N, C-alpha and C. Protein backbone atom coordinates (compact mmCIF):
# COMPACT_ATOMS: atom_id res chain seq x y z
N MET A 1 4.71 1.52 -6.96
CA MET A 1 3.81 1.25 -5.86
C MET A 1 3.87 2.45 -4.91
N THR A 2 2.72 2.90 -4.47
CA THR A 2 2.65 4.04 -3.56
C THR A 2 2.18 3.58 -2.19
N LEU A 3 2.23 4.48 -1.23
CA LEU A 3 1.74 4.16 0.11
C LEU A 3 0.25 3.82 0.04
N ASP A 4 -0.51 4.52 -0.78
CA ASP A 4 -1.93 4.20 -0.93
C ASP A 4 -2.13 2.79 -1.48
N ASP A 5 -1.28 2.39 -2.43
CA ASP A 5 -1.37 1.03 -2.99
C ASP A 5 -1.14 -0.03 -1.93
N ILE A 6 -0.11 0.14 -1.11
CA ILE A 6 0.18 -0.91 -0.11
C ILE A 6 -0.85 -0.89 1.01
N ARG A 7 -1.41 0.27 1.32
CA ARG A 7 -2.48 0.32 2.32
C ARG A 7 -3.71 -0.44 1.83
N GLU A 8 -4.02 -0.30 0.55
CA GLU A 8 -5.16 -1.02 -0.02
C GLU A 8 -4.89 -2.52 -0.09
N ALA A 9 -3.67 -2.90 -0.47
CA ALA A 9 -3.32 -4.31 -0.62
C ALA A 9 -3.14 -5.02 0.72
N CYS A 10 -2.79 -4.27 1.76
CA CYS A 10 -2.49 -4.87 3.07
C CYS A 10 -3.31 -4.17 4.16
N PRO A 11 -4.63 -4.36 4.19
CA PRO A 11 -5.47 -3.61 5.13
C PRO A 11 -5.24 -3.96 6.60
N ASP A 12 -4.59 -5.07 6.88
CA ASP A 12 -4.34 -5.47 8.27
C ASP A 12 -3.04 -4.90 8.82
N LEU A 13 -2.30 -4.14 8.01
CA LEU A 13 -1.03 -3.57 8.45
C LEU A 13 -1.17 -2.07 8.62
N GLY A 14 -0.35 -1.51 9.51
CA GLY A 14 -0.26 -0.07 9.66
C GLY A 14 1.06 0.41 9.08
N PHE A 15 1.12 1.66 8.67
CA PHE A 15 2.33 2.18 8.04
C PHE A 15 2.66 3.57 8.56
N ALA A 16 3.93 3.85 8.66
CA ALA A 16 4.43 5.19 8.96
C ALA A 16 5.55 5.48 7.98
N LEU A 17 5.47 6.60 7.31
CA LEU A 17 6.47 6.99 6.32
C LEU A 17 6.96 8.38 6.70
N TYR A 18 8.27 8.50 6.93
CA TYR A 18 8.78 9.80 7.37
C TYR A 18 10.22 10.02 6.95
N ALA A 19 10.59 11.31 6.94
CA ALA A 19 11.96 11.73 6.64
C ALA A 19 12.23 12.96 7.52
N TYR A 20 12.98 12.78 8.58
CA TYR A 20 13.24 13.87 9.51
C TYR A 20 14.25 14.88 8.97
N ASP A 21 15.25 14.38 8.26
CA ASP A 21 16.29 15.24 7.69
C ASP A 21 15.92 15.52 6.24
N PRO A 22 15.84 16.79 5.83
CA PRO A 22 15.43 17.09 4.45
C PRO A 22 16.25 16.39 3.38
N ARG A 23 17.49 16.12 3.63
CA ARG A 23 18.33 15.43 2.63
C ARG A 23 18.72 14.02 3.07
N GLY A 24 18.10 13.57 4.12
CA GLY A 24 18.43 12.25 4.67
C GLY A 24 17.53 11.16 4.12
N PRO A 25 17.67 9.97 4.68
CA PRO A 25 16.90 8.83 4.19
C PRO A 25 15.42 8.94 4.55
N VAL A 26 14.62 8.24 3.76
CA VAL A 26 13.19 8.10 4.02
C VAL A 26 13.02 6.77 4.75
N THR A 27 12.19 6.77 5.79
CA THR A 27 11.96 5.56 6.57
C THR A 27 10.51 5.14 6.42
N LEU A 28 10.32 3.86 6.18
CA LEU A 28 8.98 3.25 6.15
C LEU A 28 8.92 2.24 7.28
N GLU A 29 7.95 2.41 8.17
CA GLU A 29 7.70 1.43 9.22
C GLU A 29 6.44 0.67 8.84
N VAL A 30 6.51 -0.65 8.94
CA VAL A 30 5.35 -1.52 8.72
C VAL A 30 4.97 -2.08 10.07
N HIS A 31 3.77 -1.77 10.53
CA HIS A 31 3.28 -2.19 11.84
C HIS A 31 2.39 -3.42 11.65
N ALA A 32 2.86 -4.55 12.19
CA ALA A 32 2.14 -5.81 12.08
C ALA A 32 1.95 -6.40 13.47
N ALA A 33 1.14 -7.43 13.57
CA ALA A 33 0.92 -8.10 14.85
C ALA A 33 2.23 -8.67 15.40
N GLU A 34 3.15 -9.04 14.52
CA GLU A 34 4.43 -9.63 14.94
C GLU A 34 5.44 -8.59 15.37
N GLY A 35 5.18 -7.32 15.10
CA GLY A 35 6.12 -6.27 15.47
C GLY A 35 6.17 -5.17 14.44
N ILE A 36 7.16 -4.31 14.60
CA ILE A 36 7.36 -3.20 13.67
C ILE A 36 8.60 -3.48 12.84
N PHE A 37 8.47 -3.39 11.54
CA PHE A 37 9.56 -3.66 10.62
C PHE A 37 9.92 -2.35 9.92
N THR A 38 11.21 -2.02 9.87
CA THR A 38 11.67 -0.74 9.37
C THR A 38 12.50 -0.91 8.11
N PHE A 39 12.24 -0.05 7.12
CA PHE A 39 12.95 -0.07 5.84
C PHE A 39 13.36 1.35 5.49
N HIS A 40 14.49 1.49 4.81
CA HIS A 40 15.02 2.79 4.46
C HIS A 40 15.31 2.89 2.97
N GLY A 41 15.29 4.10 2.45
CA GLY A 41 15.65 4.38 1.08
C GLY A 41 15.96 5.86 0.93
N THR A 42 16.51 6.23 -0.20
CA THR A 42 16.79 7.65 -0.42
C THR A 42 15.53 8.39 -0.88
N THR A 43 14.51 7.62 -1.30
CA THR A 43 13.22 8.18 -1.71
C THR A 43 12.10 7.32 -1.13
N GLU A 44 10.88 7.84 -1.19
CA GLU A 44 9.72 7.05 -0.77
C GLU A 44 9.63 5.75 -1.56
N ALA A 45 9.83 5.85 -2.87
CA ALA A 45 9.74 4.67 -3.74
C ALA A 45 10.78 3.61 -3.35
N GLU A 46 12.00 4.03 -3.02
CA GLU A 46 13.04 3.07 -2.63
C GLU A 46 12.70 2.40 -1.30
N ALA A 47 12.17 3.16 -0.34
CA ALA A 47 11.80 2.57 0.95
C ALA A 47 10.67 1.56 0.78
N ILE A 48 9.69 1.89 -0.05
CA ILE A 48 8.59 0.96 -0.30
C ILE A 48 9.08 -0.28 -1.04
N ALA A 49 9.97 -0.09 -2.02
CA ALA A 49 10.51 -1.23 -2.77
C ALA A 49 11.33 -2.15 -1.87
N ALA A 50 12.01 -1.58 -0.86
CA ALA A 50 12.77 -2.40 0.08
C ALA A 50 11.83 -3.27 0.91
N ALA A 51 10.68 -2.73 1.26
CA ALA A 51 9.72 -3.47 2.08
C ALA A 51 8.90 -4.47 1.26
N PHE A 52 8.60 -4.10 0.02
CA PHE A 52 7.74 -4.91 -0.84
C PHE A 52 8.40 -5.10 -2.20
N PRO A 53 9.47 -5.91 -2.25
CA PRO A 53 10.15 -6.10 -3.53
C PRO A 53 9.24 -6.79 -4.54
N GLN A 54 9.30 -6.32 -5.75
CA GLN A 54 8.51 -6.91 -6.83
C GLN A 54 9.32 -7.98 -7.54
N PRO A 55 8.68 -9.09 -7.90
CA PRO A 55 9.43 -10.13 -8.62
C PRO A 55 9.90 -9.61 -9.96
N LYS A 56 11.10 -10.01 -10.33
CA LYS A 56 11.65 -9.59 -11.63
C LYS A 56 11.07 -10.48 -12.71
N GLU A 57 10.70 -9.85 -13.81
CA GLU A 57 10.18 -10.62 -14.94
C GLU A 57 11.33 -11.23 -15.71
N GLU A 58 11.19 -12.49 -16.04
CA GLU A 58 12.18 -13.18 -16.85
C GLU A 58 12.01 -12.74 -18.29
N PRO A 59 13.09 -12.45 -18.98
CA PRO A 59 12.96 -12.06 -20.39
C PRO A 59 12.44 -13.22 -21.22
N HIS A 60 11.60 -12.90 -22.18
CA HIS A 60 11.08 -13.92 -23.08
C HIS A 60 12.14 -14.27 -24.10
N VAL A 61 12.43 -15.54 -24.22
CA VAL A 61 13.43 -15.99 -25.19
C VAL A 61 12.70 -16.80 -26.27
N ASP A 62 12.85 -16.36 -27.49
CA ASP A 62 12.26 -17.06 -28.61
C ASP A 62 13.31 -18.03 -29.15
N ILE A 63 13.13 -19.30 -28.89
CA ILE A 63 14.13 -20.30 -29.30
C ILE A 63 14.07 -20.58 -30.80
N PHE A 64 13.06 -20.06 -31.49
CA PHE A 64 12.89 -20.34 -32.90
C PHE A 64 13.44 -19.22 -33.80
N SER A 65 14.00 -18.19 -33.23
CA SER A 65 14.51 -17.13 -34.09
C SER A 65 16.03 -17.13 -34.13
């Protein structure tokens, strides 16, 4: 998921993505009517995943094999 993906999926929210220190954490701010929510990661993808976790798929189990 990219910043463009979440902007398209959540048009009522604002976003700020930044990294002040070249080797430091990436910060994603989600701006909503209820306030500003902050998430961190070592990469853009990790910060976005922290804010918008994807459900884990359950493995398919074939009981007949």
